[in-house]
Amino acid sequence: MNAIEIRNLSKSFRGMYAVDNLNMTVPVGAIYGFIGENGSGKSTTEKLICGHLVADGGEIKLFGKDYTDAGVRVRVGALIENAGCFPGSSVYQNLRMQTINLGLENPDEEIRRVLEIVRMEDNANIKFKSCSLGMKQRIGIAMALLGDPALLILDEPINGLDTDGMRIMREILVDITQKYGCTVLISSHILGELEKIATHYGIIRQGKMIMEMSAKELEGRARVFVSLRTKDMKGAKAVLDAKYADIREEDGYIRIYDVDDTESIVEHLLKNGHAVSKIRKNKIGLEEYYIELMSQSTKEKEEK
């Protein structure tokens, strides 16, 4: 069973499609990284799943049932845009009001549980307005976790966080899936951070899903390359251009794509009078893969 199954979902605003016949599959237990440019339809899709918007057409199933099913809706927690807290109230007071909204039993016990998950058990009495951005994001996640949902939907929760804030957020999200069995759908522009935790990815453009894959599939598709430096970068690149198909100069290094034999590269350059000062093997990461995919998509569209 999948946590989310979407088929041919569409939503338009004033005749313009924000989501256009979208298909999406999120396995149970996944951390699903939802990726796309600004205006690509990520937030609209999440709002449709949460029932904040009504679709023009298509189907949304959560855990095998229609997303409007009351038994399914109570299994979904979400943080979209912001936590919606009262600034002058404490963290505890904001959470307490939400437990009342949800009609939860044993509210104090539930509040302690979610604050522990988000690493804020010692901050219950701090006023929301006094919290840092990272703390506010974690409070929003705590709010979404009230009632122990099976699916958590997060819209850009790591944007604007500092390095330590992003690290804590990563740990929380991994804990939510591995310790508490919750599936997480997370959109983010910070692909380097997303790559550290995501088990699956969906890449959306102009309202259409152009690629879904697991982290293992990404690793298999990612191109290998050798990067190197020499004293004469221009001359070395000319020598390599004559032998290898895809050579680029990026970030102060020469990159030779789809090759991982460093010894033959060093030998070839030495024969042509170029000593290598630095060399390493690597694979492109999620961000570079995404950029290449977008570039390819644009090229194909222009050719049509």
C-alpha atoms as a PDB file:
ATOM      1  CA  MET A   1       0.000   0.000   0.000  1.00  0.00           C
ATOM      2  CA  ASN A   2       1.120   3.549  -0.743  1.00  0.00           C
ATOM      3  CA  ALA A   3       0.640   6.515   1.560  1.00  0.00           C
ATOM      4  CA  ILE A   4      -0.295   8.764  -1.376  1.00  0.00           C
ATOM      5  CA  GLU A   5      -1.525   7.846  -4.848  1.00  0.00           C
ATOM      6  CA  ILE A   6      -2.465  10.680  -7.187  1.00  0.00           C
ATOM      7  CA  ARG A   7      -3.796  10.137 -10.709  1.00  0.00           C
ATOM      8  CA  ASN A   8      -4.446  12.820 -13.339  1.00  0.00           C
ATOM      9  CA  LEU A   9      -4.833  15.595 -10.769  1.00  0.00           C
ATOM     10  CA  SER A  10      -5.566  19.063 -12.124  1.00  0.00           C
ATOM     11  CA  LYS A  11      -6.148  22.480 -10.592  1.00  0.00           C
ATOM     12  CA  SER A  12      -6.468  25.774 -12.433  1.00  0.00           C
ATOM     13  CA  PHE A  13      -6.680  29.390 -11.356  1.00  0.00           C
ATOM     14  CA  ARG A  14      -8.235  31.881 -13.788  1.00  0.00           C
ATOM     15  CA  GLY A  15      -7.719  29.479 -16.664  1.00  0.00           C
ATOM     16  CA  MET A  16      -4.077  28.748 -15.877  1.00  0.00           C
ATOM     17  CA  TYR A  17      -3.163  25.239 -14.685  1.00  0.00           C
ATOM     18  CA  ALA A  18      -1.094  25.161 -11.488  1.00  0.00           C
ATOM     19  CA  VAL A  19      -1.372  21.360 -11.438  1.00  0.00           C
ATOM     20  CA  ASP A  20      -1.803  19.652 -14.796  1.00  0.00           C
ATOM     21  CA  ASN A  21      -2.722  15.937 -14.945  1.00  0.00           C
ATOM     22  CA  LEU A  22      -0.264  15.166 -12.157  1.00  0.00           C
ATOM     23  CA  ASN A  23       0.561  11.603 -11.145  1.00  0.00           C
ATOM     24  CA  MET A  24       2.380  10.866  -7.869  1.00  0.00           C
ATOM     25  CA  THR A  25       3.132   7.797  -5.762  1.00  0.00           C
ATOM     26  CA  VAL A  26       4.518   8.079  -2.223  1.00  0.00           C
ATOM     27  CA  PRO A  27       5.330   4.709  -0.560  1.00  0.00           C
ATOM     28  CA  VAL A  28       4.478   4.128   3.097  1.00  0.00           C
ATOM     29  CA  GLY A  29       7.464   4.964   5.299  1.00  0.00           C
ATOM     30  CA  ALA A  30       9.170   7.181   2.715  1.00  0.00           C
ATOM     31  CA  ILE A  31      10.715  10.602   3.084  1.00  0.00           C
ATOM     32  CA  TYR A  32       9.551  11.906  -0.283  1.00  0.00           C
ATOM     33  CA  GLY A  33      11.394  14.967  -1.548  1.00  0.00           C
ATOM     34  CA  PHE A  34       9.051  17.070  -3.703  1.00  0.00           C
ATOM     35  CA  ILE A  35      11.185  19.237  -5.976  1.00  0.00           C
ATOM     36  CA  GLY A  36      10.417  21.996  -8.441  1.00  0.00           C
ATOM     37  CA  GLU A  37      10.919  25.636  -9.350  1.00  0.00           C
ATOM     38  CA  ASN A  38       8.883  28.414  -7.746  1.00  0.00           C
ATOM     39  CA  GLY A  39       5.417  28.276  -9.246  1.00  0.00           C
ATOM     40  CA  SER A  40       5.801  24.666 -10.401  1.00  0.00           C
ATOM     41  CA  GLY A  41       2.776  23.485  -8.429  1.00  0.00           C
ATOM     42  CA  LYS A  42       4.325  21.975  -5.275  1.00  0.00           C
ATOM     43  CA  SER A  43       2.355  23.969  -2.711  1.00  0.00           C
ATOM     44  CA  THR A  44      -0.862  23.674  -4.708  1.00  0.00           C
ATOM     45  CA  THR A  45      -0.454  19.891  -4.822  1.00  0.00           C
ATOM     46  CA  GLU A  46       0.127  19.747  -1.070  1.00  0.00           C
ATOM     47  CA  LYS A  47      -2.917  21.931  -0.408  1.00  0.00           C
ATOM     48  CA  LEU A  48      -5.023  19.659  -2.617  1.00  0.00           C
ATOM     49  CA  ILE A  49      -3.863  16.595  -0.677  1.00  0.00           C
ATOM     50  CA  CYS A  50      -4.711  18.333   2.597  1.00  0.00           C
ATOM     51  CA  GLY A  51      -8.154  19.354   1.344  1.00  0.00           C
ATOM     52  CA  HIS A  52      -7.371  23.083   1.503  1.00  0.00           C
ATOM     53  CA  LEU A  53      -8.220  23.348  -2.200  1.00  0.00           C
ATOM     54  CA  VAL A  54     -10.714  21.501  -4.398  1.00  0.00           C
ATOM     55  CA  ALA A  55      -9.331  19.875  -7.549  1.00  0.00           C
ATOM     56  CA  ASP A  56     -10.760  20.442 -11.020  1.00  0.00           C
ATOM     57  CA  GLY A  57     -10.299  16.759 -11.752  1.00  0.00           C
ATOM     58  CA  GLY A  58      -8.318  13.642 -10.910  1.00  0.00           C
ATOM     59  CA  GLU A  59      -8.035  11.305  -7.965  1.00  0.00           C
ATOM     60  CA  ILE A  60      -6.218  11.461  -4.624  1.00  0.00           C
ATOM     61  CA  LYS A  61      -5.960   8.355  -2.460  1.00  0.00           C
ATOM     62  CA  LEU A  62      -4.373   8.217   0.982  1.00  0.00           C
ATOM     63  CA  PHE A  63      -3.545   4.761   2.327  1.00  0.00           C
ATOM     64  CA  GLY A  64      -5.796   3.243  -0.321  1.00  0.00           C
ATOM     65  CA  LYS A  65      -8.871   5.374   0.450  1.00  0.00           C
ATOM     66  CA  ASP A  66     -10.281   8.551  -1.028  1.00  0.00           C
ATOM     67  CA  TYR A  67      -8.630  11.564   0.584  1.00  0.00           C
ATOM     68  CA  THR A  68     -12.005  12.908   1.742  1.00  0.00           C
ATOM     69  CA  ASP A  69     -12.632   9.832   3.896  1.00  0.00           C
ATOM     70  CA  ALA A  70     -12.949  10.994   7.521  1.00  0.00           C
ATOM     71  CA  GLY A  71     -10.942   8.042   8.820  1.00  0.00           C
ATOM     72  CA  VAL A  72      -8.055   8.970   6.515  1.00  0.00           C
ATOM     73  CA  ARG A  73      -8.150  12.717   7.127  1.00  0.00           C
ATOM     74  CA  VAL A  74      -7.376  12.272  10.832  1.00  0.00           C
ATOM     75  CA  ARG A  75      -4.202  10.402   9.854  1.00  0.00           C
ATOM     76  CA  VAL A  76      -2.740  13.462   8.082  1.00  0.00           C
ATOM     77  CA  GLY A  77      -0.697  16.230   9.699  1.00  0.00           C
ATOM     78  CA  ALA A  78       0.556  19.259   7.773  1.00  0.00           C
ATOM     79  CA  LEU A  79       2.714  22.365   8.018  1.00  0.00           C
ATOM     80  CA  ILE A  80       2.090  24.564   5.000  1.00  0.00           C
ATOM     81  CA  GLU A  81       3.422  28.138   4.912  1.00  0.00           C
ATOM     82  CA  ASN A  82       3.569  28.715   8.695  1.00  0.00           C
ATOM     83  CA  ALA A  83       2.579  27.284  12.059  1.00  0.00           C
ATOM     84  CA  GLY A  84      -0.377  29.642  12.605  1.00  0.00           C
ATOM     85  CA  CYS A  85       0.510  30.251  16.247  1.00  0.00           C
ATOM     86  CA  PHE A  86      -0.433  33.143  18.532  1.00  0.00           C
ATOM     87  CA  PRO A  87       2.757  35.227  19.043  1.00  0.00           C
ATOM     88  CA  GLY A  88       1.998  36.265  22.619  1.00  0.00           C
ATOM     89  CA  SER A  89       1.151  32.757  23.798  1.00  0.00           C
ATOM     90  CA  SER A  90       3.682  30.205  24.975  1.00  0.00           C
ATOM     91  CA  VAL A  91       4.678  27.127  23.022  1.00  0.00           C
ATOM     92  CA  TYR A  92       2.628  25.003  25.428  1.00  0.00           C
ATOM     93  CA  GLN A  93      -0.436  27.258  25.169  1.00  0.00           C
ATOM     94  CA  ASN A  94      -0.394  27.137  21.379  1.00  0.00           C
ATOM     95  CA  LEU A  95      -0.132  23.363  21.391  1.00  0.00           C
ATOM     96  CA  ARG A  96      -2.839  23.102  24.059  1.00  0.00           C
ATOM     97  CA  MET A  97      -5.265  25.103  21.899  1.00  0.00           C
ATOM     98  CA  GLN A  98      -4.580  22.749  19.006  1.00  0.00           C
ATOM     99  CA  THR A  99      -5.288  19.681  21.143  1.00  0.00           C
ATOM    100  CA  ILE A 100      -8.661  21.241  21.958  1.00  0.00           C
ATOM    101  CA  ASN A 101      -9.325  21.848  18.246  1.00  0.00           C
ATOM    102  CA  LEU A 102      -8.508  18.209  17.540  1.00  0.00           C
ATOM    103  CA  GLY A 103     -10.449  16.892  20.525  1.00  0.00           C
ATOM    104  CA  LEU A 104      -7.485  14.883  21.781  1.00  0.00           C
ATOM    105  CA  GLU A 105      -7.565  12.933  25.012  1.00  0.00           C
ATOM    106  CA  ASN A 106      -4.657  13.225  27.473  1.00  0.00           C
ATOM    107  CA  PRO A 107      -3.498  16.576  25.987  1.00  0.00           C
ATOM    108  CA  ASP A 108      -0.590  17.123  28.392  1.00  0.00           C
ATOM    109  CA  GLU A 109       0.823  13.706  27.606  1.00  0.00           C
ATOM    110  CA  GLU A 110       0.437  14.334  23.869  1.00  0.00           C
ATOM    111  CA  ILE A 111       2.106  17.757  24.104  1.00  0.00           C
ATOM    112  CA  ARG A 112       5.067  16.254  25.988  1.00  0.00           C
ATOM    113  CA  ARG A 113       5.349  13.564  23.311  1.00  0.00           C
ATOM    114  CA  VAL A 114       5.511  15.942  20.348  1.00  0.00           C
ATOM    115  CA  LEU A 115       7.839  18.411  22.091  1.00  0.00           C
ATOM    116  CA  GLU A 116      10.247  15.571  22.771  1.00  0.00           C
ATOM    117  CA  ILE A 117      10.165  14.541  19.116  1.00  0.00           C
ATOM    118  CA  VAL A 118      11.078  18.066  17.952  1.00  0.00           C
ATOM    119  CA  ARG A 119      13.757  18.543  20.636  1.00  0.00           C
ATOM    120  CA  MET A 120      11.827  21.307  22.461  1.00  0.00           C
ATOM    121  CA  GLU A 121      10.767  19.647  25.713  1.00  0.00           C
ATOM    122  CA  ASP A 122      12.659  22.344  27.679  1.00  0.00           C
ATOM    123  CA  ASN A 123      11.059  25.252  25.800  1.00  0.00           C
ATOM    124  CA  ALA A 124       7.358  24.775  26.517  1.00  0.00           C
ATOM    125  CA  ASN A 125       6.993  28.038  28.439  1.00  0.00           C
ATOM    126  CA  ILE A 126       8.732  30.322  25.932  1.00  0.00           C
ATOM    127  CA  LYS A 127       6.451  32.731  24.067  1.00  0.00           C
ATOM    128  CA  PHE A 128       6.162  31.916  20.384  1.00  0.00           C
ATOM    129  CA  LYS A 129       7.282  35.416  19.358  1.00  0.00           C
ATOM    130  CA  SER A 130      10.555  34.918  21.256  1.00  0.00           C
ATOM    131  CA  CYS A 131      11.453  31.734  19.365  1.00  0.00           C
ATOM    132  CA  SER A 132      14.043  31.600  16.592  1.00  0.00           C
ATOM    133  CA  LEU A 133      13.008  30.703  13.037  1.00  0.00           C
ATOM    134  CA  GLY A 134      14.253  27.157  13.523  1.00  0.00           C
ATOM    135  CA  MET A 135      12.286  26.791  16.752  1.00  0.00           C
ATOM    136  CA  LYS A 136       9.140  28.143  15.088  1.00  0.00           C
ATOM    137  CA  GLN A 137       9.482  25.604  12.305  1.00  0.00           C
ATOM    138  CA  ARG A 138       9.875  22.819  14.854  1.00  0.00           C
ATOM    139  CA  ILE A 139       6.826  24.081  16.773  1.00  0.00           C
ATOM    140  CA  GLY A 140       4.879  23.912  13.510  1.00  0.00           C
ATOM    141  CA  ILE A 141       5.968  20.310  13.046  1.00  0.00           C
ATOM    142  CA  ALA A 142       4.999  19.568  16.655  1.00  0.00           C
ATOM    143  CA  MET A 143       1.536  21.008  15.922  1.00  0.00           C
ATOM    144  CA  ALA A 144       1.268  18.790  12.847  1.00  0.00           C
ATOM    145  CA  LEU A 145       2.322  15.730  14.861  1.00  0.00           C
ATOM    146  CA  LEU A 146      -0.442  16.106  17.440  1.00  0.00           C
ATOM    147  CA  GLY A 147      -2.713  13.082  17.223  1.00  0.00           C
ATOM    148  CA  ASP A 148       0.102  10.845  15.899  1.00  0.00           C
ATOM    149  CA  PRO A 149      -0.541  11.138  12.134  1.00  0.00           C
ATOM    150  CA  ALA A 150       0.607   8.465   9.695  1.00  0.00           C
ATOM    151  CA  LEU A 151       1.360  11.059   6.994  1.00  0.00           C
ATOM    152  CA  LEU A 152       3.129  14.384   7.495  1.00  0.00           C
ATOM    153  CA  ILE A 153       3.094  17.038   4.747  1.00  0.00           C
ATOM    154  CA  LEU A 154       5.691  19.808   5.022  1.00  0.00           C
ATOM    155  CA  ASP A 155       6.107  22.819   2.742  1.00  0.00           C
ATOM    156  CA  GLU A 156       9.658  24.210   2.743  1.00  0.00           C
ATOM    157  CA  PRO A 157      10.398  23.528   6.450  1.00  0.00           C
ATOM    158  CA  ILE A 158      14.173  24.043   6.169  1.00  0.00           C
ATOM    159  CA  ASN A 159      14.207  27.282   4.157  1.00  0.00           C
ATOM    160  CA  GLY A 160      16.010  30.092   5.985  1.00  0.00           C
ATOM    161  CA  LEU A 161      17.521  27.855   8.661  1.00  0.00           C
ATOM    162  CA  ASP A 162      21.178  28.027   9.630  1.00  0.00           C
ATOM    163  CA  THR A 163      23.471  24.992   9.436  1.00  0.00           C
ATOM    164  CA  ASP A 164      22.671  23.774  12.944  1.00  0.00           C
ATOM    165  CA  GLY A 165      18.952  24.337  12.403  1.00  0.00           C
ATOM    166  CA  MET A 166      19.018  22.238   9.229  1.00  0.00           C
ATOM    167  CA  ARG A 167      20.935  19.464  11.003  1.00  0.00           C
ATOM    168  CA  ILE A 168      18.359  19.304  13.800  1.00  0.00           C
ATOM    169  CA  MET A 169      15.523  19.303  11.274  1.00  0.00           C
ATOM    170  CA  ARG A 170      17.128  16.415   9.373  1.00  0.00           C
ATOM    171  CA  GLU A 171      17.435  14.389  12.570  1.00  0.00           C
ATOM    172  CA  ILE A 172      13.801  15.078  13.485  1.00  0.00           C
ATOM    173  CA  LEU A 173      12.492  14.006  10.080  1.00  0.00           C
ATOM    174  CA  VAL A 174      14.516  10.794  10.100  1.00  0.00           C
ATOM    175  CA  ASP A 175      13.264  10.026  13.627  1.00  0.00           C
ATOM    176  CA  ILE A 176       9.665  10.648  12.571  1.00  0.00           C
ATOM    177  CA  THR A 177       9.918   7.969   9.877  1.00  0.00           C
ATOM    178  CA  GLN A 178      12.240   5.434  11.510  1.00  0.00           C
ATOM    179  CA  LYS A 179      11.046   5.592  15.142  1.00  0.00           C
ATOM    180  CA  TYR A 180       7.403   6.565  14.700  1.00  0.00           C
ATOM    181  CA  GLY A 181       6.572   5.017  11.322  1.00  0.00           C
ATOM    182  CA  CYS A 182       5.304   8.234   9.767  1.00  0.00           C
ATOM    183  CA  THR A 183       5.522   8.909   6.030  1.00  0.00           C
ATOM    184  CA  VAL A 184       6.850  12.388   5.171  1.00  0.00           C
ATOM    185  CA  LEU A 185       6.175  14.452   2.044  1.00  0.00           C
ATOM    186  CA  ILE A 186       8.549  17.430   2.075  1.00  0.00           C
ATOM    187  CA  SER A 187       9.076  20.172  -0.491  1.00  0.00           C
ATOM    188  CA  SER A 188      12.342  22.106  -0.437  1.00  0.00           C
ATOM    189  CA  HIS A 189      14.656  24.216  -2.592  1.00  0.00           C
ATOM    190  CA  ILE A 190      17.702  23.161  -0.553  1.00  0.00           C
ATOM    191  CA  LEU A 191      18.465  20.029  -2.525  1.00  0.00           C
ATOM    192  CA  GLY A 192      21.804  19.313  -0.848  1.00  0.00           C
ATOM    193  CA  GLU A 193      20.042  18.950   2.498  1.00  0.00           C
ATOM    194  CA  LEU A 194      17.134  17.003   1.028  1.00  0.00           C
ATOM    195  CA  GLU A 195      19.544  14.534  -0.544  1.00  0.00           C
ATOM    196  CA  LYS A 196      20.857  13.589   2.918  1.00  0.00           C
ATOM    197  CA  ILE A 197      17.500  12.237   4.115  1.00  0.00           C
ATOM    198  CA  ALA A 198      15.101  11.574   1.223  1.00  0.00           C
ATOM    199  CA  THR A 199      14.322   7.989   0.211  1.00  0.00           C
ATOM    200  CA  HIS A 200      12.255   9.004  -2.826  1.00  0.00           C
ATOM    201  CA  TYR A 201      11.918  12.025  -5.097  1.00  0.00           C
ATOM    202  CA  GLY A 202       9.296  13.605  -7.309  1.00  0.00           C
ATOM    203  CA  ILE A 203      10.305  16.369  -9.715  1.00  0.00           C
ATOM    204  CA  ILE A 204       7.518  18.658 -10.900  1.00  0.00           C
ATOM    205  CA  ARG A 205       7.589  21.311 -13.591  1.00  0.00           C
ATOM    206  CA  GLN A 206       4.759  23.575 -14.738  1.00  0.00           C
ATOM    207  CA  GLY A 207       2.272  21.426 -12.857  1.00  0.00           C
ATOM    208  CA  LYS A 208       3.396  18.130 -14.402  1.00  0.00           C
ATOM    209  CA  MET A 209       5.393  15.337 -12.764  1.00  0.00           C
ATOM    210  CA  ILE A 210       8.407  14.819 -14.998  1.00  0.00           C
ATOM    211  CA  MET A 211      10.275  12.272 -12.883  1.00  0.00           C
ATOM    212  CA  GLU A 212       9.759  10.029  -9.857  1.00  0.00           C
ATOM    213  CA  MET A 213      12.551   7.867  -8.506  1.00  0.00           C
ATOM    214  CA  SER A 214      13.998   6.349  -5.359  1.00  0.00           C
ATOM    215  CA  ALA A 215      17.285   7.491  -3.839  1.00  0.00           C
ATOM    216  CA  LYS A 216      18.826   4.238  -5.077  1.00  0.00           C
ATOM    217  CA  GLU A 217      17.614   4.935  -8.601  1.00  0.00           C
ATOM    218  CA  LEU A 218      19.106   8.438  -8.420  1.00  0.00           C
ATOM    219  CA  GLU A 219      22.430   6.963  -7.413  1.00  0.00           C
ATOM    220  CA  GLY A 220      22.288   4.621 -10.393  1.00  0.00           C
ATOM    221  CA  ARG A 221      21.370   7.390 -12.840  1.00  0.00           C
ATOM    222  CA  ALA A 222      23.806   9.996 -11.555  1.00  0.00           C
ATOM    223  CA  ARG A 223      26.739  10.489 -13.890  1.00  0.00           C
ATOM    224  CA  VAL A 224      30.247   9.753 -12.668  1.00  0.00           C
ATOM    225  CA  PHE A 225      33.052  12.159 -13.427  1.00  0.00           C
ATOM    226  CA  VAL A 226      36.710  12.877 -12.706  1.00  0.00           C
ATOM    227  CA  SER A 227      37.647  16.392 -11.671  1.00  0.00           C
ATOM    228  CA  LEU A 228      41.214  17.672 -11.826  1.00  0.00           C
ATOM    229  CA  ARG A 229      43.450  20.700 -11.718  1.00  0.00           C
ATOM    230  CA  THR A 230      46.659  21.470 -13.617  1.00  0.00           C
ATOM    231  CA  LYS A 231      48.915  24.487 -13.945  1.00  0.00           C
ATOM    232  CA  ASP A 232      47.736  25.117 -17.506  1.00  0.00           C
ATOM    233  CA  MET A 233      43.981  24.528 -17.321  1.00  0.00           C
ATOM    234  CA  LYS A 234      43.258  25.815 -20.834  1.00  0.00           C
ATOM    235  CA  GLY A 235      45.950  23.677 -22.429  1.00  0.00           C
ATOM    236  CA  ALA A 236      44.984  20.564 -20.451  1.00  0.00           C
ATOM    237  CA  LYS A 237      41.325  20.988 -21.397  1.00  0.00           C
ATOM    238  CA  ALA A 238      42.284  21.181 -25.076  1.00  0.00           C
ATOM    239  CA  VAL A 239      44.234  17.925 -24.743  1.00  0.00           C
ATOM    240  CA  LEU A 240      41.355  16.201 -22.981  1.00  0.00           C
ATOM    241  CA  ASP A 241      38.778  17.546 -25.469  1.00  0.00           C
ATOM    242  CA  ALA A 242      40.591  15.622 -28.201  1.00  0.00           C
ATOM    243  CA  LYS A 243      40.117  12.289 -26.396  1.00  0.00           C
ATOM    244  CA  TYR A 244      36.989  12.460 -24.235  1.00  0.00           C
ATOM    245  CA  ALA A 245      33.395  13.245 -25.204  1.00  0.00           C
ATOM    246  CA  ASP A 246      32.180  15.513 -22.385  1.00  0.00           C
ATOM    247  CA  ILE A 247      34.703  17.918 -20.855  1.00  0.00           C
ATOM    248  CA  ARG A 248      33.726  20.983 -18.831  1.00  0.00           C
ATOM    249  CA  GLU A 249      35.503  23.536 -16.697  1.00  0.00           C
ATOM    250  CA  GLU A 250      33.439  24.127 -13.541  1.00  0.00           C
ATOM    251  CA  ASP A 251      34.225  25.558 -10.097  1.00  0.00           C
ATOM    252  CA  GLY A 252      37.937  25.858 -10.908  1.00  0.00           C
ATOM    253  CA  TYR A 253      38.254  22.217 -11.997  1.00  0.00           C
ATOM    254  CA  ILE A 254      38.204  20.360 -15.295  1.00  0.00           C
ATOM    255  CA  ARG A 255      35.513  17.692 -15.249  1.00  0.00           C
ATOM    256  CA  ILE A 256      35.622  14.610 -17.471  1.00  0.00           C
ATOM    257  CA  TYR A 257      32.162  13.035 -17.447  1.00  0.00           C
ATOM    258  CA  ASP A 258      31.266   9.336 -17.735  1.00  0.00           C
ATOM    259  CA  VAL A 259      34.851   8.315 -16.969  1.00  0.00           C
ATOM    260  CA  ASP A 260      36.349   7.100 -13.688  1.00  0.00           C
ATOM    261  CA  ASP A 261      39.810   5.855 -14.741  1.00  0.00           C
ATOM    262  CA  THR A 262      42.058   8.449 -13.106  1.00  0.00           C
ATOM    263  CA  GLU A 263      45.301   6.660 -14.003  1.00  0.00           C
ATOM    264  CA  SER A 264      44.693   6.771 -17.763  1.00  0.00           C
ATOM    265  CA  ILE A 265      43.734  10.461 -17.560  1.00  0.00           C
ATOM    266  CA  VAL A 266      46.892  11.366 -15.618  1.00  0.00           C
ATOM    267  CA  GLU A 267      49.024   9.319 -18.034  1.00  0.00           C
ATOM    268  CA  HIS A 268      47.422  10.955 -21.072  1.00  0.00           C
ATOM    269  CA  LEU A 269      48.033  14.461 -19.711  1.00  0.00           C
ATOM    270  CA  LEU A 270      51.635  13.697 -18.742  1.00  0.00           C
ATOM    271  CA  LYS A 271      52.366  12.434 -22.251  1.00  0.00           C
ATOM    272  CA  ASN A 272      51.139  15.781 -23.526  1.00  0.00           C
ATOM    273  CA  GLY A 273      53.172  17.868 -21.063  1.00  0.00           C
ATOM    274  CA  HIS A 274      50.596  18.533 -18.329  1.00  0.00           C
ATOM    275  CA  ALA A 275      51.190  17.473 -14.723  1.00  0.00           C
ATOM    276  CA  VAL A 276      48.072  16.966 -12.596  1.00  0.00           C
ATOM    277  CA  SER A 277      48.123  18.704  -9.205  1.00  0.00           C
ATOM    278  CA  LYS A 278      44.716  17.489  -7.944  1.00  0.00           C
ATOM    279  CA  ILE A 279      42.408  14.728  -9.124  1.00  0.00           C
ATOM    280  CA  ARG A 280      39.370  12.946  -7.696  1.00  0.00           C
ATOM    281  CA  LYS A 281      36.454  10.748  -8.720  1.00  0.00           C
ATOM    282  CA  ASN A 282      32.883  11.792  -7.976  1.00  0.00           C
ATOM    283  CA  LYS A 283      29.194  11.549  -8.911  1.00  0.00           C
ATOM    284  CA  ILE A 284      26.816  14.384  -9.575  1.00  0.00           C
ATOM    285  CA  GLY A 285      24.441  15.006  -6.669  1.00  0.00           C
ATOM    286  CA  LEU A 286      20.726  15.688  -6.587  1.00  0.00           C
ATOM    287  CA  GLU A 287      21.116  19.406  -7.320  1.00  0.00           C
ATOM    288  CA  GLU A 288      23.236  18.871 -10.431  1.00  0.00           C
ATOM    289  CA  TYR A 289      20.984  16.037 -11.593  1.00  0.00           C
ATOM    290  CA  TYR A 290      17.980  18.318 -11.186  1.00  0.00           C
ATOM    291  CA  ILE A 291      19.638  21.148 -13.128  1.00  0.00           C
ATOM    292  CA  GLU A 292      20.569  18.777 -15.965  1.00  0.00           C
ATOM    293  CA  LEU A 293      17.030  17.367 -16.028  1.00  0.00           C
ATOM    294  CA  MET A 294      15.518  20.864 -16.187  1.00  0.00           C
ATOM    295  CA  SER A 295      17.927  21.824 -18.962  1.00  0.00           C
ATOM    296  CA  GLN A 296      17.034  18.689 -20.917  1.00  0.00           C
ATOM    297  CA  SER A 297      13.316  19.320 -20.391  1.00  0.00           C
ATOM    298  CA  THR A 298      13.672  22.892 -21.672  1.00  0.00           C
ATOM    299  CA  LYS A 299      15.623  21.730 -24.722  1.00  0.00           C
ATOM    300  CA  GLU A 300      13.024  19.077 -25.590  1.00  0.00           C
ATOM    301  CA  LYS A 301      10.227  21.627 -25.242  1.00  0.00           C
ATOM    302  CA  GLU A 302      12.006  24.090 -27.533  1.00  0.00           C
ATOM    303  CA  GLU A 303      12.590  21.384 -30.148  1.00  0.00           C
ATOM    304  CA  LYS A 304       8.866  20.631 -30.208  1.00  0.00           C
END
